[in-house]
Amino acid sequence: MTPPQRRRRQPLPAPSPPPDPPPRTGPAAERTGPPSAATAPRSAVQSDARSAAPSGAQSDAPSGTPDKDGENKNPERFYVISEADGERAPLDLVTLVVARAQAPSSASPEQSAVLRMCSAPLSVAEVSAYLRLPFSVVTVLLTEMLAAELVQARAPIVRQNLPDRSLLEAVMHGLQRL
């Protein structure tokens, strides 16, 4: 029997360049050249940057290059989310987070999302994955929420504190004999 053959990955096609804008006509074309980022209104620059992102990608940041997931990993966005405080509670990847309250009106979108997700206990790693934010940013966010008593952090059950399997089997056999 021969092992199954592996299929090779096909390389991704190169992205096509954006189409050239139509040439300007009229008196405005003679006075000015093409708009630049310095002279264009801010909303135009933001819409151009957002439209340059691949379809399906949503980004809050107007700049930055999309990564392989199609999202902009803009450090300024992380700085704004974490509010530059930088203080962190001692949270592990496996620390369980549970919502204690509803989202107040002053809560950020990320805080509201955490409170909705954590109606049932979730680990910090899961919260980080669902929000698509780095673990360090999520720990700062959760630290703020812990201080405001919006969430509660619980240590996971450590396997060493559980009774020995042989003891549980002995109890089970004893109960079966009754």
N, C-alpha and C. Protein backbone atom coordinates (compact mmCIF):
# COMPACT_ATOMS: atom_id res chain seq x y z
N MET A 1 0.85 -1.18 0.00
CA MET A 1 0.00 0.00 0.00
C MET A 1 0.89 1.24 0.00
N THR A 2 0.61 2.15 -0.87
CA THR A 2 1.42 3.35 -0.96
C THR A 2 0.76 4.49 -0.20
N PRO A 3 1.57 5.37 0.37
CA PRO A 3 0.99 6.50 1.10
C PRO A 3 0.31 7.46 0.13
N PRO A 4 -0.70 8.17 0.60
CA PRO A 4 -1.40 9.11 -0.29
C PRO A 4 -0.46 10.24 -0.69
N GLN A 5 -0.66 10.71 -1.88
CA GLN A 5 0.15 11.80 -2.40
C GLN A 5 -0.37 13.13 -1.84
N ARG A 6 0.55 13.97 -1.48
CA ARG A 6 0.16 15.30 -1.00
C ARG A 6 0.01 16.25 -2.18
N ARG A 7 -1.00 17.07 -2.06
CA ARG A 7 -1.17 18.08 -3.09
C ARG A 7 -0.37 19.31 -2.70
N ARG A 8 0.28 19.89 -3.66
CA ARG A 8 1.04 21.11 -3.40
C ARG A 8 0.11 22.31 -3.42
N ARG A 9 0.45 23.26 -2.58
CA ARG A 9 -0.33 24.50 -2.57
C ARG A 9 -0.03 25.30 -3.82
N GLN A 10 -1.06 25.85 -4.37
CA GLN A 10 -0.89 26.71 -5.52
C GLN A 10 -0.56 28.11 -5.02
N PRO A 11 0.39 28.80 -5.65
CA PRO A 11 0.70 30.16 -5.21
C PRO A 11 -0.49 31.08 -5.43
N LEU A 12 -0.63 32.04 -4.53
CA LEU A 12 -1.73 33.00 -4.66
C LEU A 12 -1.45 33.92 -5.83
N PRO A 13 -2.48 34.28 -6.57
CA PRO A 13 -2.26 35.20 -7.69
C PRO A 13 -1.88 36.58 -7.16
N ALA A 14 -1.03 37.25 -7.90
CA ALA A 14 -0.60 38.59 -7.51
C ALA A 14 -1.78 39.54 -7.63
N PRO A 15 -1.93 40.46 -6.65
CA PRO A 15 -3.06 41.40 -6.73
C PRO A 15 -2.88 42.33 -7.92
N SER A 16 -3.97 42.59 -8.59
CA SER A 16 -3.91 43.48 -9.74
C SER A 16 -3.85 44.92 -9.25
N PRO A 17 -3.13 45.78 -9.98
CA PRO A 17 -3.05 47.19 -9.55
C PRO A 17 -4.41 47.86 -9.72
N PRO A 18 -4.69 48.86 -8.89
CA PRO A 18 -5.99 49.54 -9.01
C PRO A 18 -6.07 50.27 -10.35
N PRO A 19 -7.25 50.39 -10.91
CA PRO A 19 -7.39 51.07 -12.20
C PRO A 19 -7.05 52.54 -12.06
N ASP A 20 -6.51 53.10 -13.15
CA ASP A 20 -6.17 54.52 -13.15
C ASP A 20 -7.45 55.34 -13.16
N PRO A 21 -7.46 56.47 -12.41
CA PRO A 21 -8.66 57.31 -12.43
C PRO A 21 -8.81 57.97 -13.80
N PRO A 22 -10.03 58.31 -14.17
CA PRO A 22 -10.23 58.95 -15.47
C PRO A 22 -9.53 60.31 -15.48
N PRO A 23 -9.05 60.74 -16.64
CA PRO A 23 -8.35 62.03 -16.71
C PRO A 23 -9.32 63.17 -16.40
N ARG A 24 -8.76 64.19 -15.78
CA ARG A 24 -9.56 65.37 -15.44
C ARG A 24 -9.76 66.23 -16.68
N THR A 25 -10.92 66.80 -16.74
CA THR A 25 -11.20 67.71 -17.85
C THR A 25 -11.77 68.99 -17.28
N GLY A 26 -11.68 70.04 -18.03
CA GLY A 26 -12.26 71.30 -17.60
C GLY A 26 -11.22 72.21 -16.98
N PRO A 27 -11.65 73.38 -16.47
CA PRO A 27 -10.71 74.37 -15.94
C PRO A 27 -10.02 73.91 -14.67
N ALA A 28 -10.66 73.07 -13.87
CA ALA A 28 -10.04 72.62 -12.63
C ALA A 28 -8.82 71.75 -12.92
N ALA A 29 -8.82 71.02 -14.03
CA ALA A 29 -7.70 70.15 -14.37
C ALA A 29 -6.48 70.97 -14.74
N GLU A 30 -6.68 72.16 -15.33
CA GLU A 30 -5.55 72.99 -15.73
C GLU A 30 -4.90 73.65 -14.53
N ARG A 31 -5.68 74.01 -13.49
CA ARG A 31 -5.14 74.71 -12.32
C ARG A 31 -4.36 73.78 -11.41
N THR A 32 -4.88 72.61 -11.16
CA THR A 32 -4.27 71.75 -10.17
C THR A 32 -3.91 70.41 -10.78
N GLY A 33 -2.98 69.77 -10.13
CA GLY A 33 -2.60 68.42 -10.52
C GLY A 33 -3.48 67.44 -9.79
N PRO A 34 -3.06 66.19 -9.78
CA PRO A 34 -3.84 65.19 -9.05
C PRO A 34 -3.82 65.47 -7.56
N PRO A 35 -4.89 65.15 -6.85
CA PRO A 35 -4.91 65.42 -5.41
C PRO A 35 -3.89 64.54 -4.69
N SER A 36 -3.23 65.13 -3.73
CA SER A 36 -2.28 64.36 -2.92
C SER A 36 -2.87 64.17 -1.54
N ALA A 37 -2.24 63.32 -0.76
CA ALA A 37 -2.73 63.06 0.59
C ALA A 37 -2.63 64.31 1.45
N ALA A 38 -1.67 65.19 1.13
CA ALA A 38 -1.51 66.41 1.93
C ALA A 38 -2.60 67.42 1.64
N THR A 39 -3.09 67.46 0.38
CA THR A 39 -4.09 68.46 0.03
C THR A 39 -5.50 67.92 0.03
N ALA A 40 -5.66 66.61 0.01
CA ALA A 40 -7.00 66.03 -0.01
C ALA A 40 -7.64 66.12 1.36
N PRO A 41 -8.95 66.25 1.42
CA PRO A 41 -9.61 66.25 2.72
C PRO A 41 -9.41 64.91 3.43
N ARG A 42 -9.43 64.96 4.76
CA ARG A 42 -9.16 63.76 5.56
C ARG A 42 -10.12 62.63 5.25
N SER A 43 -11.38 62.93 5.04
CA SER A 43 -12.34 61.87 4.76
C SER A 43 -12.02 61.17 3.45
N ALA A 44 -11.50 61.91 2.46
CA ALA A 44 -11.13 61.29 1.20
C ALA A 44 -9.94 60.36 1.38
N VAL A 45 -8.98 60.77 2.19
CA VAL A 45 -7.81 59.93 2.43
C VAL A 45 -8.24 58.66 3.14
N GLN A 46 -9.13 58.78 4.12
CA GLN A 46 -9.58 57.60 4.85
C GLN A 46 -10.34 56.66 3.93
N SER A 47 -11.22 57.20 3.09
CA SER A 47 -12.00 56.31 2.23
C SER A 47 -11.10 55.64 1.21
N ASP A 48 -10.06 56.36 0.71
CA ASP A 48 -9.13 55.74 -0.22
C ASP A 48 -8.38 54.60 0.45
N ALA A 49 -7.95 54.81 1.68
CA ALA A 49 -7.19 53.78 2.39
C ALA A 49 -8.07 52.58 2.69
N ARG A 50 -9.31 52.83 3.04
CA ARG A 50 -10.21 51.71 3.35
C ARG A 50 -10.60 50.96 2.09
N SER A 51 -10.75 51.67 0.98
CA SER A 51 -11.11 50.97 -0.25
C SER A 51 -9.95 50.18 -0.81
N ALA A 52 -8.71 50.51 -0.40
CA ALA A 52 -7.55 49.76 -0.86
C ALA A 52 -7.44 48.42 -0.17
N ALA A 53 -8.14 48.25 0.95
CA ALA A 53 -8.08 46.98 1.68
C ALA A 53 -8.83 45.93 0.88
N PRO A 54 -8.44 44.67 1.01
CA PRO A 54 -9.13 43.60 0.30
C PRO A 54 -10.59 43.52 0.71
N SER A 55 -11.39 42.95 -0.17
CA SER A 55 -12.82 42.85 0.15
C SER A 55 -13.01 41.95 1.35
N GLY A 56 -13.96 42.32 2.21
CA GLY A 56 -14.22 41.54 3.41
C GLY A 56 -13.41 42.01 4.60
N ALA A 57 -12.39 42.82 4.38
CA ALA A 57 -11.58 43.29 5.49
C ALA A 57 -12.18 44.58 6.00
N GLN A 58 -12.33 44.67 7.29
CA GLN A 58 -12.82 45.88 7.90
C GLN A 58 -11.75 46.39 8.82
N SER A 59 -11.43 47.65 8.70
CA SER A 59 -10.36 48.20 9.51
C SER A 59 -10.79 49.55 10.06
N ASP A 60 -10.41 49.81 11.29
CA ASP A 60 -10.68 51.10 11.88
C ASP A 60 -9.56 52.07 11.54
N ALA A 61 -8.45 51.57 11.09
CA ALA A 61 -7.28 52.39 10.86
C ALA A 61 -7.21 52.80 9.40
N PRO A 62 -6.92 54.09 9.13
CA PRO A 62 -6.84 54.53 7.75
C PRO A 62 -5.52 54.17 7.09
N SER A 63 -4.51 53.78 7.83
CA SER A 63 -3.22 53.48 7.23
C SER A 63 -2.75 52.12 7.65
N GLY A 64 -1.65 51.71 7.07
CA GLY A 64 -1.09 50.40 7.41
C GLY A 64 -1.33 49.45 6.26
N THR A 65 -0.56 48.40 6.25
CA THR A 65 -0.71 47.42 5.19
C THR A 65 -1.45 46.22 5.72
N PRO A 66 -2.35 45.67 4.94
CA PRO A 66 -3.08 44.50 5.40
C PRO A 66 -2.15 43.30 5.55
N ASP A 67 -2.41 42.48 6.55
CA ASP A 67 -1.63 41.26 6.72
C ASP A 67 -2.31 40.13 5.98
N LYS A 68 -1.85 38.89 6.22
CA LYS A 68 -2.39 37.76 5.48
C LYS A 68 -3.86 37.51 5.76
N ASP A 69 -4.37 37.97 6.92
CA ASP A 69 -5.78 37.81 7.25
C ASP A 69 -6.64 38.90 6.64
N GLY A 70 -6.00 39.91 6.03
CA GLY A 70 -6.74 41.00 5.44
C GLY A 70 -7.09 42.09 6.42
N GLU A 71 -6.43 42.11 7.57
CA GLU A 71 -6.70 43.13 8.57
C GLU A 71 -5.48 44.02 8.74
N ASN A 72 -5.73 45.28 8.99
CA ASN A 72 -4.63 46.18 9.29
C ASN A 72 -4.23 46.02 10.73
N LYS A 73 -2.97 45.77 10.97
CA LYS A 73 -2.44 45.66 12.33
C LYS A 73 -1.77 46.99 12.64
N ASN A 74 -2.56 47.96 12.98
CA ASN A 74 -2.07 49.31 13.20
C ASN A 74 -1.74 49.50 14.67
N PRO A 75 -0.46 49.77 15.01
CA PRO A 75 -0.10 49.94 16.43
C PRO A 75 -0.83 51.09 17.11
N GLU A 76 -1.15 52.14 16.36
CA GLU A 76 -1.86 53.27 16.96
C GLU A 76 -3.23 52.83 17.46
N ARG A 77 -3.88 51.93 16.75
CA ARG A 77 -5.19 51.44 17.17
C ARG A 77 -5.07 50.70 18.50
N PHE A 78 -4.05 49.88 18.66
CA PHE A 78 -3.85 49.15 19.91
C PHE A 78 -3.57 50.12 21.05
N TYR A 79 -2.83 51.19 20.77
CA TYR A 79 -2.51 52.20 21.77
C TYR A 79 -3.80 52.88 22.24
N VAL A 80 -4.70 53.16 21.33
CA VAL A 80 -5.96 53.81 21.68
C VAL A 80 -6.86 52.85 22.46
N ILE A 81 -6.91 51.59 22.05
CA ILE A 81 -7.75 50.61 22.75
C ILE A 81 -7.29 50.44 24.18
N SER A 82 -5.97 50.34 24.37
CA SER A 82 -5.46 50.11 25.73
C SER A 82 -5.35 51.40 26.53
N GLU A 83 -5.67 52.53 25.93
CA GLU A 83 -5.66 53.85 26.56
C GLU A 83 -4.31 54.20 27.16
N ALA A 84 -3.26 53.62 26.64
CA ALA A 84 -1.88 53.95 26.98
C ALA A 84 -1.55 53.83 28.45
N ASP A 85 -2.40 53.19 29.23
CA ASP A 85 -2.14 53.05 30.66
C ASP A 85 -1.03 52.05 30.89
N GLY A 86 -1.16 50.90 30.28
CA GLY A 86 -0.12 49.90 30.34
C GLY A 86 -0.13 49.04 31.58
N GLU A 87 -0.93 49.36 32.58
CA GLU A 87 -0.97 48.52 33.78
C GLU A 87 -1.71 47.23 33.46
N ARG A 88 -1.21 46.12 34.05
CA ARG A 88 -1.82 44.84 33.77
C ARG A 88 -2.04 44.04 35.04
N ALA A 89 -3.18 43.39 35.10
CA ALA A 89 -3.45 42.44 36.18
C ALA A 89 -2.72 41.14 35.85
N PRO A 90 -2.43 40.33 36.85
CA PRO A 90 -1.74 39.07 36.56
C PRO A 90 -2.70 38.05 35.94
N LEU A 91 -2.87 38.13 34.64
CA LEU A 91 -3.78 37.24 33.91
C LEU A 91 -2.96 36.29 33.04
N ASP A 92 -3.31 35.01 33.10
CA ASP A 92 -2.70 34.01 32.23
C ASP A 92 -3.59 33.80 31.01
N LEU A 93 -3.09 33.03 30.07
CA LEU A 93 -3.90 32.68 28.91
C LEU A 93 -5.13 31.88 29.29
N VAL A 94 -5.02 31.11 30.38
CA VAL A 94 -6.12 30.22 30.77
C VAL A 94 -7.00 30.79 31.87
N THR A 95 -6.75 32.02 32.30
CA THR A 95 -7.60 32.66 33.31
C THR A 95 -8.99 32.84 32.73
N LEU A 96 -9.99 32.45 33.49
CA LEU A 96 -11.38 32.55 33.02
C LEU A 96 -11.94 33.92 33.37
N VAL A 97 -12.65 34.51 32.42
CA VAL A 97 -13.25 35.83 32.59
C VAL A 97 -14.76 35.68 32.47
N VAL A 98 -15.49 36.29 33.43
CA VAL A 98 -16.96 36.23 33.45
C VAL A 98 -17.48 37.65 33.63
N ALA A 99 -18.49 38.02 32.85
CA ALA A 99 -19.10 39.34 32.97
C ALA A 99 -19.89 39.43 34.27
N ARG A 100 -19.78 40.57 34.94
CA ARG A 100 -20.53 40.79 36.18
C ARG A 100 -21.64 41.81 35.99
N ALA A 101 -21.57 42.59 34.93
CA ALA A 101 -22.54 43.66 34.73
C ALA A 101 -22.80 43.83 33.24
N GLN A 102 -23.83 44.60 32.92
CA GLN A 102 -24.11 44.96 31.55
C GLN A 102 -23.17 46.08 31.13
N ALA A 103 -23.00 46.26 29.85
CA ALA A 103 -22.10 47.29 29.35
C ALA A 103 -22.68 48.68 29.65
N PRO A 104 -21.91 49.53 30.34
CA PRO A 104 -22.39 50.90 30.56
C PRO A 104 -22.33 51.69 29.26
N SER A 105 -23.01 52.81 29.23
CA SER A 105 -23.04 53.62 28.00
C SER A 105 -21.67 54.20 27.68
N SER A 106 -20.80 54.32 28.68
CA SER A 106 -19.47 54.88 28.45
C SER A 106 -18.46 53.83 28.03
N ALA A 107 -18.87 52.58 27.88
CA ALA A 107 -17.94 51.50 27.53
C ALA A 107 -17.51 51.62 26.07
N SER A 108 -16.26 51.26 25.84
CA SER A 108 -15.74 51.24 24.47
C SER A 108 -16.35 50.06 23.72
N PRO A 109 -16.27 50.06 22.40
CA PRO A 109 -16.81 48.92 21.64
C PRO A 109 -16.16 47.59 22.04
N GLU A 110 -14.87 47.61 22.33
CA GLU A 110 -14.18 46.38 22.73
C GLU A 110 -14.68 45.91 24.09
N GLN A 111 -14.89 46.83 25.02
CA GLN A 111 -15.41 46.45 26.34
C GLN A 111 -16.82 45.88 26.22
N SER A 112 -17.64 46.48 25.38
CA SER A 112 -19.00 45.96 25.18
C SER A 112 -18.95 44.56 24.58
N ALA A 113 -18.04 44.34 23.64
CA ALA A 113 -17.91 43.02 23.03
C ALA A 113 -17.46 41.99 24.05
N VAL A 114 -16.53 42.36 24.93
CA VAL A 114 -16.06 41.44 25.97
C VAL A 114 -17.21 41.08 26.90
N LEU A 115 -18.00 42.06 27.30
CA LEU A 115 -19.11 41.79 28.21
C LEU A 115 -20.17 40.90 27.57
N ARG A 116 -20.42 41.08 26.28
CA ARG A 116 -21.37 40.20 25.59
C ARG A 116 -20.83 38.78 25.50
N MET A 117 -19.55 38.65 25.17
CA MET A 117 -18.96 37.32 25.02
C MET A 117 -18.86 36.57 26.33
N CYS A 118 -18.57 37.30 27.40
CA CYS A 118 -18.25 36.66 28.68
C CYS A 118 -19.47 36.45 29.57
N SER A 119 -20.65 36.34 28.99
CA SER A 119 -21.80 35.97 29.81
C SER A 119 -21.59 34.56 30.36
N ALA A 120 -20.91 33.73 29.62
CA ALA A 120 -20.42 32.43 30.09
C ALA A 120 -18.90 32.54 30.19
N PRO A 121 -18.27 31.83 31.11
CA PRO A 121 -16.82 31.97 31.29
C PRO A 121 -16.04 31.67 30.01
N LEU A 122 -15.09 32.55 29.70
CA LEU A 122 -14.17 32.37 28.58
C LEU A 122 -12.76 32.60 29.08
N SER A 123 -11.80 31.92 28.49
CA SER A 123 -10.41 32.16 28.85
C SER A 123 -9.93 33.44 28.18
N VAL A 124 -8.87 34.01 28.72
CA VAL A 124 -8.31 35.23 28.14
C VAL A 124 -7.84 34.96 26.72
N ALA A 125 -7.32 33.77 26.46
CA ALA A 125 -6.88 33.42 25.11
C ALA A 125 -8.06 33.43 24.14
N GLU A 126 -9.21 32.92 24.56
CA GLU A 126 -10.39 32.92 23.70
C GLU A 126 -10.88 34.33 23.44
N VAL A 127 -10.89 35.17 24.47
CA VAL A 127 -11.30 36.57 24.30
C VAL A 127 -10.38 37.25 23.30
N SER A 128 -9.08 37.02 23.44
CA SER A 128 -8.10 37.60 22.53
C SER A 128 -8.34 37.13 21.09
N ALA A 129 -8.64 35.86 20.93
CA ALA A 129 -8.87 35.32 19.58
C ALA A 129 -10.16 35.87 18.98
N TYR A 130 -11.23 35.91 19.76
CA TYR A 130 -12.50 36.41 19.24
C TYR A 130 -12.44 37.89 18.87
N LEU A 131 -11.71 38.67 19.66
CA LEU A 131 -11.58 40.09 19.36
C LEU A 131 -10.53 40.37 18.30
N ARG A 132 -9.71 39.36 17.99
CA ARG A 132 -8.60 39.51 17.05
C ARG A 132 -7.65 40.62 17.49
N LEU A 133 -7.34 40.60 18.78
CA LEU A 133 -6.40 41.55 19.36
C LEU A 133 -5.28 40.78 20.03
N PRO A 134 -4.09 41.37 20.12
CA PRO A 134 -2.99 40.69 20.81
C PRO A 134 -3.31 40.48 22.29
N PHE A 135 -2.71 39.45 22.85
CA PHE A 135 -2.93 39.10 24.26
C PHE A 135 -2.59 40.28 25.16
N SER A 136 -1.50 40.99 24.87
CA SER A 136 -1.09 42.11 25.73
C SER A 136 -2.13 43.22 25.75
N VAL A 137 -2.75 43.51 24.62
CA VAL A 137 -3.79 44.54 24.56
C VAL A 137 -5.03 44.08 25.33
N VAL A 138 -5.38 42.81 25.20
CA VAL A 138 -6.55 42.27 25.90
C VAL A 138 -6.33 42.29 27.41
N THR A 139 -5.10 42.01 27.87
CA THR A 139 -4.85 42.04 29.32
C THR A 139 -4.99 43.45 29.87
N VAL A 140 -4.56 44.46 29.13
CA VAL A 140 -4.74 45.85 29.58
C VAL A 140 -6.22 46.19 29.60
N LEU A 141 -6.95 45.78 28.58
CA LEU A 141 -8.40 46.02 28.51
C LEU A 141 -9.12 45.34 29.67
N LEU A 142 -8.77 44.09 29.94
CA LEU A 142 -9.41 43.36 31.05
C LEU A 142 -9.02 43.94 32.40
N THR A 143 -7.80 44.46 32.53
CA THR A 143 -7.39 45.09 33.78
C THR A 143 -8.28 46.29 34.09
N GLU A 144 -8.56 47.10 33.07
CA GLU A 144 -9.45 48.25 33.26
C GLU A 144 -10.85 47.78 33.66
N MET A 145 -11.31 46.71 33.03
CA MET A 145 -12.65 46.20 33.33
C MET A 145 -12.71 45.57 34.71
N LEU A 146 -11.62 44.94 35.15
CA LEU A 146 -11.57 44.39 36.51
C LEU A 146 -11.62 45.51 37.54
N ALA A 147 -10.91 46.61 37.28
CA ALA A 147 -10.91 47.75 38.20
C ALA A 147 -12.30 48.38 38.29
N ALA A 148 -13.02 48.39 37.18
CA ALA A 148 -14.38 48.95 37.16
C ALA A 148 -15.42 47.93 37.61
N GLU A 149 -14.99 46.73 37.97
CA GLU A 149 -15.85 45.63 38.43
C GLU A 149 -16.91 45.25 37.40
N LEU A 150 -16.53 45.32 36.12
CA LEU A 150 -17.42 44.88 35.05
C LEU A 150 -17.27 43.39 34.78
N VAL A 151 -16.07 42.86 35.05
CA VAL A 151 -15.82 41.43 34.86
C VAL A 151 -15.16 40.86 36.11
N GLN A 152 -15.18 39.56 36.18
CA GLN A 152 -14.53 38.85 37.28
C GLN A 152 -13.57 37.84 36.66
N ALA A 153 -12.36 37.76 37.20
CA ALA A 153 -11.36 36.80 36.71
C ALA A 153 -11.26 35.66 37.70
N ARG A 154 -11.29 34.45 37.16
CA ARG A 154 -11.19 33.25 38.00
C ARG A 154 -10.01 32.42 37.52
N ALA A 155 -9.29 31.89 38.48
CA ALA A 155 -8.21 30.97 38.12
C ALA A 155 -8.83 29.66 37.68
N PRO A 156 -8.28 29.03 36.67
CA PRO A 156 -8.83 27.74 36.24
C PRO A 156 -8.58 26.67 37.29
N ILE A 157 -9.34 25.61 37.21
CA ILE A 157 -9.17 24.49 38.14
C ILE A 157 -7.85 23.80 37.80
N VAL A 158 -7.01 23.69 38.78
CA VAL A 158 -5.72 23.05 38.58
C VAL A 158 -5.91 21.54 38.70
N ARG A 159 -5.40 20.81 37.77
CA ARG A 159 -5.60 19.37 37.72
C ARG A 159 -4.99 18.67 38.93
N GLN A 160 -3.95 19.21 39.52
CA GLN A 160 -3.29 18.57 40.66
C GLN A 160 -4.18 18.56 41.90
N ASN A 161 -5.10 19.47 42.02
CA ASN A 161 -5.96 19.54 43.20
C ASN A 161 -7.13 18.56 43.14
N LEU A 162 -7.32 17.91 42.01
CA LEU A 162 -8.40 16.94 41.88
C LEU A 162 -8.01 15.65 42.60
N PRO A 163 -8.98 14.90 43.09
CA PRO A 163 -8.67 13.63 43.76
C PRO A 163 -8.03 12.65 42.77
N ASP A 164 -7.29 11.72 43.32
CA ASP A 164 -6.62 10.70 42.52
C ASP A 164 -7.67 9.81 41.83
N ARG A 165 -7.37 9.40 40.62
CA ARG A 165 -8.31 8.57 39.85
C ARG A 165 -8.60 7.25 40.56
N SER A 166 -7.60 6.65 41.18
CA SER A 166 -7.81 5.36 41.87
C SER A 166 -8.78 5.53 43.04
N LEU A 167 -8.72 6.68 43.73
CA LEU A 167 -9.65 6.93 44.83
C LEU A 167 -11.08 7.04 44.29
N LEU A 168 -11.24 7.75 43.18
CA LEU A 168 -12.58 7.90 42.58
C LEU A 168 -13.12 6.55 42.12
N GLU A 169 -12.26 5.71 41.55
CA GLU A 169 -12.70 4.38 41.12
C GLU A 169 -13.11 3.52 42.31
N ALA A 170 -12.36 3.63 43.42
CA ALA A 170 -12.70 2.85 44.62
C ALA A 170 -14.05 3.28 45.18
N VAL A 171 -14.31 4.58 45.19
CA VAL A 171 -15.60 5.10 45.67
C VAL A 171 -16.71 4.63 44.75
N MET A 172 -16.47 4.68 43.43
CA MET A 172 -17.49 4.25 42.48
C MET A 172 -17.82 2.76 42.65
N HIS A 173 -16.79 1.93 42.80
CA HIS A 173 -17.03 0.49 42.99
C HIS A 173 -17.76 0.22 44.31
N GLY A 174 -17.41 0.98 45.35
CA GLY A 174 -18.09 0.83 46.63
C GLY A 174 -19.56 1.19 46.53
N LEU A 175 -19.87 2.24 45.79
CA LEU A 175 -21.27 2.64 45.60
C LEU A 175 -22.02 1.62 44.76
N GLN A 176 -21.37 1.02 43.79
CA GLN A 176 -22.03 0.02 42.96
C GLN A 176 -22.37 -1.24 43.75
N ARG A 177 -21.57 -1.57 44.77
CA ARG A 177 -21.83 -2.76 45.58
C ARG A 177 -23.02 -2.55 46.51
N LEU A 178 -23.39 -1.33 46.79
CA LEU A 178 -24.52 -1.07 47.70
C LEU A 178 -25.85 -1.44 47.12
